C-alpha atoms as a PDB file:
ATOM      1  CA  MET A   1      56.513  82.787  -2.711  1.00  0.00           C
ATOM      2  CA  ARG A   2      53.417  82.035  -1.549  1.00  0.00           C
ATOM      3  CA  LYS A   3      51.493  83.336  -4.278  1.00  0.00           C
ATOM      4  CA  THR A   4      53.531  81.033  -6.811  1.00  0.00           C
ATOM      5  CA  ALA A   5      53.117  78.171  -4.881  1.00  0.00           C
ATOM      6  CA  PHE A   6      48.935  78.590  -4.970  1.00  0.00           C
ATOM      7  CA  ALA A   7      49.251  80.052  -9.091  1.00  0.00           C
ATOM      8  CA  LEU A   8      51.274  76.969  -9.698  1.00  0.00           C
ATOM      9  CA  ARG A   9      49.237  74.380  -7.669  1.00  0.00           C
ATOM     10  CA  ALA A  10      46.053  75.663  -9.733  1.00  0.00           C
ATOM     11  CA  PHE A  11      48.077  75.428 -12.589  1.00  0.00           C
ATOM     12  CA  ASN A  12      49.234  71.848 -12.025  1.00  0.00           C
ATOM     13  CA  VAL A  13      45.258  71.002 -10.557  1.00  0.00           C
ATOM     14  CA  GLU A  14      43.765  71.799 -13.859  1.00  0.00           C
ATOM     15  CA  THR A  15      46.291  70.112 -16.304  1.00  0.00           C
ATOM     16  CA  ALA A  16      46.307  66.881 -13.918  1.00  0.00           C
ATOM     17  CA  ARG A  17      42.790  66.794 -13.944  1.00  0.00           C
ATOM     18  CA  ALA A  18      42.400  68.075 -17.455  1.00  0.00           C
ATOM     19  CA  MET A  19      41.260  64.141 -18.357  1.00  0.00           C
ATOM     20  CA  ASP A  20      39.693  63.273 -15.707  1.00  0.00           C
ATOM     21  CA  VAL A  21      36.639  65.809 -15.647  1.00  0.00           C
ATOM     22  CA  ALA A  22      36.158  65.251 -19.196  1.00  0.00           C
ATOM     23  CA  SER A  23      33.198  62.802 -20.804  1.00  0.00           C
ATOM     24  CA  ASP A  24      35.616  62.133 -23.602  1.00  0.00           C
ATOM     25  CA  PRO A  25      39.384  61.612 -23.835  1.00  0.00           C
ATOM     26  CA  LYS A  26      39.347  63.751 -26.889  1.00  0.00           C
ATOM     27  CA  ILE A  27      37.867  66.653 -25.118  1.00  0.00           C
ATOM     28  CA  GLY A  28      40.398  66.488 -22.110  1.00  0.00           C
ATOM     29  CA  LEU A  29      43.493  66.412 -24.550  1.00  0.00           C
ATOM     30  CA  MET A  30      41.636  69.410 -26.546  1.00  0.00           C
ATOM     31  CA  ARG A  31      41.741  71.683 -22.552  1.00  0.00           C
ATOM     32  CA  LEU A  32      45.452  70.717 -22.177  1.00  0.00           C
ATOM     33  CA  LEU A  33      46.537  71.543 -25.887  1.00  0.00           C
ATOM     34  CA  TRP A  34      44.257  74.755 -25.205  1.00  0.00           C
ATOM     35  CA  TRP A  35      46.494  75.429 -21.508  1.00  0.00           C
ATOM     36  CA  GLN A  36      49.502  74.559 -23.968  1.00  0.00           C
ATOM     37  CA  ASP A  37      48.644  77.921 -26.437  1.00  0.00           C
ATOM     38  CA  ALA A  38      47.397  79.327 -23.194  1.00  0.00           C
ATOM     39  CA  ILE A  39      50.881  79.726 -21.657  1.00  0.00           C
ATOM     40  CA  ASP A  40      52.198  81.227 -25.560  1.00  0.00           C
ATOM     41  CA  LYS A  41      49.694  83.901 -24.754  1.00  0.00           C
ATOM     42  CA  ILE A  42      50.447  84.663 -21.048  1.00  0.00           C
ATOM     43  CA  PHE A  43      54.227  84.744 -22.615  1.00  0.00           C
ATOM     44  CA  ALA A  44      53.369  87.306 -25.176  1.00  0.00           C
ATOM     45  CA  LYS A  45      51.527  89.223 -22.380  1.00  0.00           C
ATOM     46  CA  LYS A  46      48.255  88.331 -23.839  1.00  0.00           C
ATOM     47  CA  ASN A  47      45.065  88.329 -21.458  1.00  0.00           C
ATOM     48  CA  VAL A  48      43.846  84.702 -20.902  1.00  0.00           C
ATOM     49  CA  GLU A  49      39.750  84.810 -19.491  1.00  0.00           C
ATOM     50  CA  HIS A  50      40.559  81.732 -17.099  1.00  0.00           C
ATOM     51  CA  PRO A  51      41.027  82.314 -13.720  1.00  0.00           C
ATOM     52  CA  ALA A  52      44.068  79.776 -13.391  1.00  0.00           C
ATOM     53  CA  ALA A  53      45.534  81.272 -16.033  1.00  0.00           C
ATOM     54  CA  GLN A  54      45.224  85.173 -14.794  1.00  0.00           C
ATOM     55  CA  ALA A  55      47.277  84.085 -11.446  1.00  0.00           C
ATOM     56  CA  LEU A  56      49.435  82.450 -13.405  1.00  0.00           C
ATOM     57  CA  SER A  57      49.927  85.358 -15.733  1.00  0.00           C
ATOM     58  CA  SER A  58      50.287  87.429 -12.665  1.00  0.00           C
ATOM     59  CA  VAL A  59      53.006  85.344 -11.415  1.00  0.00           C
ATOM     60  CA  ILE A  60      55.015  85.687 -14.115  1.00  0.00           C
ATOM     61  CA  SER A  61      54.624  89.255 -14.536  1.00  0.00           C
ATOM     62  CA  GLU A  62      56.435  89.963 -11.157  1.00  0.00           C
ATOM     63  CA  HIS A  63      58.932  86.945 -11.241  1.00  0.00           C
ATOM     64  CA  LYS A  64      61.134  85.666 -13.850  1.00  0.00           C
ATOM     65  CA  ILE A  65      59.730  81.894 -14.590  1.00  0.00           C
ATOM     66  CA  SER A  66      60.604  79.672 -16.992  1.00  0.00           C
ATOM     67  CA  LYS A  67      58.138  79.188 -19.771  1.00  0.00           C
ATOM     68  CA  HIS A  68      60.321  76.198 -20.780  1.00  0.00           C
ATOM     69  CA  TRP A  69      59.070  74.033 -17.432  1.00  0.00           C
ATOM     70  CA  LEU A  70      55.269  75.265 -17.825  1.00  0.00           C
ATOM     71  CA  LYS A  71      55.344  73.830 -21.501  1.00  0.00           C
ATOM     72  CA  ARG A  72      57.330  70.291 -20.259  1.00  0.00           C
ATOM     73  CA  SER A  73      54.634  69.902 -17.831  1.00  0.00           C
ATOM     74  CA  VAL A  74      52.082  70.386 -20.135  1.00  0.00           C
ATOM     75  CA  ASP A  75      54.236  68.290 -23.013  1.00  0.00           C
ATOM     76  CA  ALA A  76      54.385  65.433 -20.069  1.00  0.00           C
ATOM     77  CA  ARG A  77      50.508  65.549 -20.130  1.00  0.00           C
ATOM     78  CA  ILE A  78      49.932  65.584 -23.055  1.00  0.00           C
ATOM     79  CA  ASN A  79      51.988  62.774 -24.283  1.00  0.00           C
ATOM     80  CA  ASP A  80      50.318  60.479 -21.144  1.00  0.00           C
ATOM     81  CA  ALA A  81      47.161  61.505 -23.072  1.00  0.00           C
ATOM     82  CA  SER A  82      47.977  60.809 -26.470  1.00  0.00           C
ATOM     83  CA  LYS A  83      49.466  56.892 -25.463  1.00  0.00           C
ATOM     84  CA  GLU A  84      46.629  53.902 -27.348  1.00  0.00           C
ATOM     85  CA  GLY A  85      44.377  52.958 -24.482  1.00  0.00           C
ATOM     86  CA  GLY A  86      45.680  50.616 -22.331  1.00  0.00           C
ATOM     87  CA  VAL A  87      49.314  50.762 -22.482  1.00  0.00           C
ATOM     88  CA  LEU A  88      51.413  50.410 -19.725  1.00  0.00           C
ATOM     89  CA  PRO A  89      54.902  52.391 -19.158  1.00  0.00           C
ATOM     90  CA  GLU A  90      57.581  49.949 -19.870  1.00  0.00           C
ATOM     91  CA  THR A  91      60.101  50.757 -16.514  1.00  0.00           C
ATOM     92  CA  ILE A  92      60.155  52.327 -13.172  1.00  0.00           C
ATOM     93  CA  ALA A  93      62.356  55.081 -14.929  1.00  0.00           C
ATOM     94  CA  ASP A  94      59.510  56.124 -17.002  1.00  0.00           C
ATOM     95  CA  LEU A  95      57.074  56.970 -13.874  1.00  0.00           C
ATOM     96  CA  GLU A  96      59.485  58.851 -12.671  1.00  0.00           C
ATOM     97  CA  GLN A  97      60.332  61.307 -15.768  1.00  0.00           C
ATOM     98  CA  TYR A  98      56.622  61.876 -15.534  1.00  0.00           C
ATOM     99  CA  ALA A  99      57.084  62.972 -11.960  1.00  0.00           C
ATOM    100  CA  GLU A 100      59.949  64.876 -12.846  1.00  0.00           C
ATOM    101  CA  ASP A 101      58.127  66.597 -15.657  1.00  0.00           C
ATOM    102  CA  THR A 102      54.988  67.271 -14.481  1.00  0.00           C
ATOM    103  CA  MET A 103      55.955  67.446  -9.981  1.00  0.00           C
ATOM    104  CA  SER A 104      59.601  67.960  -9.920  1.00  0.00           C
ATOM    105  CA  THR A 105      59.001  71.553 -12.433  1.00  0.00           C
ATOM    106  CA  MET A 106      56.253  72.740  -9.682  1.00  0.00           C
ATOM    107  CA  LEU A 107      59.084  73.118  -7.473  1.00  0.00           C
ATOM    108  CA  TYR A 108      61.796  74.070  -9.456  1.00  0.00           C
ATOM    109  CA  MET A 109      59.368  77.214 -10.811  1.00  0.00           C
ATOM    110  CA  THR A 110      58.768  78.296  -7.038  1.00  0.00           C
ATOM    111  CA  LEU A 111      62.425  78.954  -5.831  1.00  0.00           C
ATOM    112  CA  GLN A 112      62.817  80.245  -9.502  1.00  0.00           C
ATOM    113  CA  ALA A 113      60.382  82.700  -8.098  1.00  0.00           C
ATOM    114  CA  GLY A 114      62.012  83.259  -5.011  1.00  0.00           C
ATOM    115  CA  GLY A 115      65.372  84.169  -6.999  1.00  0.00           C
ATOM    116  CA  ILE A 116      66.825  80.942  -4.784  1.00  0.00           C
ATOM    117  CA  ARG A 117      69.778  79.235  -7.183  1.00  0.00           C
ATOM    118  CA  SER A 118      70.954  76.709  -5.227  1.00  0.00           C
ATOM    119  CA  THR A 119      72.057  73.255  -6.914  1.00  0.00           C
ATOM    120  CA  ALA A 120      71.396  71.332  -3.678  1.00  0.00           C
ATOM    121  CA  ALA A 121      67.987  72.956  -3.839  1.00  0.00           C
ATOM    122  CA  ASP A 122      67.184  71.929  -6.908  1.00  0.00           C
ATOM    123  CA  HIS A 123      68.671  68.683  -6.329  1.00  0.00           C
ATOM    124  CA  ALA A 124      66.132  68.131  -3.904  1.00  0.00           C
ATOM    125  CA  ALA A 125      63.380  69.354  -4.987  1.00  0.00           C
ATOM    126  CA  SER A 126      63.808  66.793  -8.272  1.00  0.00           C
ATOM    127  CA  HIS A 127      63.945  63.796  -5.688  1.00  0.00           C
ATOM    128  CA  ILE A 128      60.434  65.483  -3.999  1.00  0.00           C
ATOM    129  CA  GLY A 129      58.802  65.842  -6.770  1.00  0.00           C
ATOM    130  CA  LYS A 130      59.702  62.204  -8.160  1.00  0.00           C
ATOM    131  CA  ALA A 131      58.719  60.685  -4.788  1.00  0.00           C
ATOM    132  CA  SER A 132      55.673  62.604  -4.832  1.00  0.00           C
ATOM    133  CA  GLY A 133      54.341  61.765  -8.592  1.00  0.00           C
ATOM    134  CA  LEU A 134      55.279  58.351  -7.807  1.00  0.00           C
ATOM    135  CA  LEU A 135      53.126  58.285  -4.576  1.00  0.00           C
ATOM    136  CA  LEU A 136      50.401  59.906  -6.184  1.00  0.00           C
ATOM    137  CA  LEU A 137      49.916  57.738  -8.962  1.00  0.00           C
ATOM    138  CA  LEU A 138      49.561  55.014  -6.796  1.00  0.00           C
ATOM    139  CA  LYS A 139      47.088  56.577  -4.587  1.00  0.00           C
ATOM    140  CA  SER A 140      45.044  57.013  -7.943  1.00  0.00           C
ATOM    141  CA  LEU A 141      45.232  53.355  -9.020  1.00  0.00           C
ATOM    142  CA  PRO A 142      41.938  52.371  -8.010  1.00  0.00           C
ATOM    143  CA  TYR A 143      40.300  55.868  -9.766  1.00  0.00           C
ATOM    144  CA  HIS A 144      41.611  54.746 -13.221  1.00  0.00           C
ATOM    145  CA  VAL A 145      40.039  51.826 -12.819  1.00  0.00           C
ATOM    146  CA  SER A 146      36.842  52.424 -11.764  1.00  0.00           C
ATOM    147  CA  ARG A 147      37.231  54.766 -14.959  1.00  0.00           C
ATOM    148  CA  GLN A 148      39.146  52.665 -17.581  1.00  0.00           C
ATOM    149  CA  GLY A 149      38.694  48.971 -16.284  1.00  0.00           C
ATOM    150  CA  ARG A 150      42.083  48.199 -16.081  1.00  0.00           C
ATOM    151  CA  ILE A 151      45.239  48.852 -13.468  1.00  0.00           C
ATOM    152  CA  SER A 152      47.311  51.579 -15.256  1.00  0.00           C
ATOM    153  CA  TYR A 153      50.571  52.824 -13.895  1.00  0.00           C
ATOM    154  CA  ILE A 154      52.737  49.873 -12.804  1.00  0.00           C
ATOM    155  CA  PRO A 155      55.633  49.328 -14.734  1.00  0.00           C
ATOM    156  CA  ALA A 156      55.733  46.491 -16.929  1.00  0.00           C
ATOM    157  CA  ASP A 157      59.182  45.214 -15.522  1.00  0.00           C
ATOM    158  CA  VAL A 158      57.517  45.549 -11.906  1.00  0.00           C
ATOM    159  CA  ALA A 159      54.284  44.014 -13.451  1.00  0.00           C
ATOM    160  CA  SER A 160      56.160  41.086 -14.885  1.00  0.00           C
ATOM    161  CA  ARG A 161      58.212  40.297 -11.870  1.00  0.00           C
ATOM    162  CA  HIS A 162      55.318  40.148  -9.720  1.00  0.00           C
ATOM    163  CA  GLY A 163      53.578  37.439 -12.276  1.00  0.00           C
ATOM    164  CA  LEU A 164      50.869  40.196 -12.988  1.00  0.00           C
ATOM    165  CA  LEU A 165      50.936  40.466 -16.377  1.00  0.00           C
ATOM    166  CA  ILE A 166      48.297  39.104 -19.462  1.00  0.00           C
ATOM    167  CA  ALA A 167      48.085  39.276 -22.927  1.00  0.00           C
ATOM    168  CA  ALA A 168      44.524  41.094 -23.478  1.00  0.00           C
ATOM    169  CA  HIS A 169      42.997  42.889 -26.708  1.00  0.00           C
ATOM    170  CA  GLY A 170      46.239  42.346 -27.983  1.00  0.00           C
ATOM    171  CA  ARG A 171      48.715  43.858 -25.554  1.00  0.00           C
ATOM    172  CA  SER A 172      49.584  43.359 -21.832  1.00  0.00           C
ATOM    173  CA  GLU A 173      47.868  44.252 -19.433  1.00  0.00           C
ATOM    174  CA  ILE A 174      47.460  43.942 -15.521  1.00  0.00           C
ATOM    175  CA  LYS A 175      45.744  41.345 -14.140  1.00  0.00           C
ATOM    176  CA  MET A 176      42.402  42.848 -12.304  1.00  0.00           C
ATOM    177  CA  GLU A 177      41.969  40.208  -9.517  1.00  0.00           C
ATOM    178  CA  SER A 178      45.999  40.588  -8.151  1.00  0.00           C
ATOM    179  CA  GLY A 179      45.909  40.731  -4.349  1.00  0.00           C
ATOM    180  CA  GLU A 180      49.322  40.492  -3.013  1.00  0.00           C
ATOM    181  CA  ALA A 181      51.063  39.915  -6.084  1.00  0.00           C
ATOM    182  CA  LEU A 182      49.612  43.839  -6.803  1.00  0.00           C
ATOM    183  CA  SER A 183      50.605  44.629  -3.183  1.00  0.00           C
ATOM    184  CA  ASP A 184      53.969  43.962  -3.727  1.00  0.00           C
ATOM    185  CA  ALA A 185      54.284  45.757  -7.020  1.00  0.00           C
ATOM    186  CA  VAL A 186      52.953  48.927  -5.674  1.00  0.00           C
ATOM    187  CA  PHE A 187      55.761  48.444  -2.833  1.00  0.00           C
ATOM    188  CA  GLU A 188      58.569  48.053  -4.979  1.00  0.00           C
ATOM    189  CA  VAL A 189      57.385  51.553  -7.001  1.00  0.00           C
ATOM    190  CA  ALA A 190      56.891  53.170  -3.273  1.00  0.00           C
ATOM    191  CA  SER A 191      60.316  51.873  -2.469  1.00  0.00           C
ATOM    192  CA  VAL A 192      61.347  53.954  -4.954  1.00  0.00           C
ATOM    193  CA  ALA A 193      59.934  56.885  -4.067  1.00  0.00           C
ATOM    194  CA  SER A 194      61.088  56.151  -0.409  1.00  0.00           C
ATOM    195  CA  LEU A 195      64.614  56.431  -1.650  1.00  0.00           C
ATOM    196  CA  HIS A 196      63.764  59.706  -3.400  1.00  0.00           C
ATOM    197  CA  LEU A 197      62.450  61.512  -0.185  1.00  0.00           C
ATOM    198  CA  GLN A 198      65.472  59.988   1.833  1.00  0.00           C
ATOM    199  CA  LYS A 199      68.028  61.431  -0.920  1.00  0.00           C
ATOM    200  CA  ALA A 200      66.321  64.750  -0.579  1.00  0.00           C
ATOM    201  CA  ARG A 201      66.982  64.790   3.249  1.00  0.00           C
ATOM    202  CA  GLU A 202      70.318  63.887   2.918  1.00  0.00           C
ATOM    203  CA  LEU A 203      71.111  67.252   0.846  1.00  0.00           C
ATOM    204  CA  ALA A 204      69.048  69.229   3.929  1.00  0.00           C
ATOM    205  CA  PRO A 205      72.098  70.794   5.045  1.00  0.00           C
ATOM    206  CA  ALA A 206      73.260  72.228   1.624  1.00  0.00           C
ATOM    207  CA  VAL A 207      69.758  73.551   0.668  1.00  0.00           C
ATOM    208  CA  PRO A 208      69.895  77.907   2.500  1.00  0.00           C
ATOM    209  CA  ALA A 209      66.784  77.896   4.493  1.00  0.00           C
ATOM    210  CA  GLU A 210      65.106  80.247   2.321  1.00  0.00           C
ATOM    211  CA  ALA A 211      64.310  77.272   0.058  1.00  0.00           C
ATOM    212  CA  LEU A 212      63.152  75.159   2.720  1.00  0.00           C
ATOM    213  CA  PRO A 213      59.493  76.297   2.737  1.00  0.00           C
ATOM    214  CA  VAL A 214      59.577  75.371  -1.222  1.00  0.00           C
ATOM    215  CA  LEU A 215      60.241  71.748  -0.229  1.00  0.00           C
ATOM    216  CA  LEU A 216      57.588  70.861   2.365  1.00  0.00           C
ATOM    217  CA  PRO A 217      55.654  68.658  -0.525  1.00  0.00           C
ATOM    218  CA  ALA A 218      58.146  66.391   0.922  1.00  0.00           C
ATOM    219  CA  VAL A 219      55.845  66.155   4.262  1.00  0.00           C
ATOM    220  CA  PRO A 220      52.608  64.922   2.295  1.00  0.00           C
ATOM    221  CA  ALA A 221      54.496  62.439   0.432  1.00  0.00           C
ATOM    222  CA  GLN A 222      56.139  60.900   3.591  1.00  0.00           C
ATOM    223  CA  VAL A 223      52.497  60.775   4.808  1.00  0.00           C
ATOM    224  CA  LEU A 224      50.834  59.183   1.850  1.00  0.00           C
ATOM    225  CA  LEU A 225      54.156  56.840   1.807  1.00  0.00           C
ATOM    226  CA  ASP A 226      53.490  56.145   5.732  1.00  0.00           C
ATOM    227  CA  THR A 227      49.695  55.640   4.994  1.00  0.00           C
ATOM    228  CA  LEU A 228      50.664  52.777   2.265  1.00  0.00           C
ATOM    229  CA  ARG A 229      52.775  51.034   4.582  1.00  0.00           C
ATOM    230  CA  ARG A 230      50.354  50.470   7.433  1.00  0.00           C
ATOM    231  CA  ARG A 231      47.792  49.360   4.172  1.00  0.00           C
ATOM    232  CA  ASN A 232      50.665  46.766   3.465  1.00  0.00           C
ATOM    233  CA  PHE A 233      50.427  48.982   0.152  1.00  0.00           C
ATOM    234  CA  ASN A 234      46.839  47.775  -0.971  1.00  0.00           C
ATOM    235  CA  VAL A 235      46.003  50.916  -2.746  1.00  0.00           C
ATOM    236  CA  PHE A 236      42.317  49.229  -2.995  1.00  0.00           C
ATOM    237  CA  ASP A 237      42.093  49.812   0.970  1.00  0.00           C
ATOM    238  CA  SER A 238      38.995  52.699   0.919  1.00  0.00           C
ATOM    239  CA  ARG A 239      41.254  53.963   4.062  1.00  0.00           C
ATOM    240  CA  ILE A 240      43.333  55.250   2.131  1.00  0.00           C
ATOM    241  CA  LEU A 241      41.522  57.853   0.692  1.00  0.00           C
ATOM    242  CA  GLY A 242      40.338  58.549   3.776  1.00  0.00           C
ATOM    243  CA  GLY A 243      40.741  62.762   5.394  1.00  0.00           C
ATOM    244  CA  VAL A 244      44.117  64.298   4.044  1.00  0.00           C
ATOM    245  CA  GLN A 245      46.408  61.139   2.610  1.00  0.00           C
ATOM    246  CA  GLY A 246      44.904  58.644   4.652  1.00  0.00           C
ATOM    247  CA  VAL A 247      45.302  60.766   7.778  1.00  0.00           C
ATOM    248  CA  SER A 248      43.111  62.798  10.093  1.00  0.00           C
ATOM    249  CA  PRO A 249      42.984  66.978   8.757  1.00  0.00           C
ATOM    250  CA  LEU A 250      44.219  67.769  11.962  1.00  0.00           C
ATOM    251  CA  TRP A 251      47.025  65.578  12.093  1.00  0.00           C
ATOM    252  CA  TYR A 252      47.624  66.105   8.649  1.00  0.00           C
ATOM    253  CA  GLN A 253      48.041  70.155   9.383  1.00  0.00           C
ATOM    254  CA  LEU A 254      49.970  69.358  12.752  1.00  0.00           C
ATOM    255  CA  LYS A 255      52.882  67.522  10.649  1.00  0.00           C
ATOM    256  CA  LEU A 256      53.266  70.234   8.101  1.00  0.00           C
ATOM    257  CA  LYS A 257      53.510  72.900  11.106  1.00  0.00           C
ATOM    258  CA  TRP A 258      56.258  70.623  12.760  1.00  0.00           C
ATOM    259  CA  HIS A 259      58.199  70.340   9.754  1.00  0.00           C
ATOM    260  CA  ALA A 260      57.616  74.414   9.058  1.00  0.00           C
ATOM    261  CA  TRP A 261      58.566  75.150  12.447  1.00  0.00           C
ATOM    262  CA  ARG A 262      61.751  73.034  12.669  1.00  0.00           C
ATOM    263  CA  ASN A 263      62.630  73.932   9.382  1.00  0.00           C
ATOM    264  CA  LYS A 264      62.573  70.551   8.062  1.00  0.00           C
ATOM    265  CA  TYR A 265      61.158  68.752   5.373  1.00  0.00           C
END
């Protein structure tokens, strides 16, 4: 399953960064549309001249991987990229769905490639993907501020509860000088992620042993959650970006190996 995991990670990184590496949003959107077409070509057994696409093609030729999950992931990113500038997600449920479509799907396909059929593993993968996605969106807030000049990925209903919403340019935006109120909003979203990790671990006794390595992404998600907690959920604290998920690379690797050795996630 390692080869599958690497290929899917490469695919996910390519699609996740499509908008970030483009100088023009239209070019980023074109990259995502290219991937949508590339998936069709891969499943039609056509050659696609791209390293990540070729790695994905090799895995698909060896294992049964659902085209539906790949398309769903790209479609979610296209829908996100196509939103009018500054439009906030309405609810945490909207963010959870985005995380499910872009992160949980990678875990579903890895389980699928390993021939693992387990409802408990699927449910755990769903929770871990949602937790990972929510936390990574929170971590990315400073980056999006530096590129777009506004705070994104804080749901409008959460922002409203914490007095963060203002009317600007004919739409609702989040105050840039938000301080403690923004940290409280981040805490609210992070708490949902924490609950997903808790639910995933409650399923552990029913998860088959062969599925446990696939669910190890719960570990970096927990590391990032703990880092946010230590920084009082201030996503603009530069220490969050240090090392790996805010901790030293050595400590991060030790945590991963420790959980893998104990068959935990």
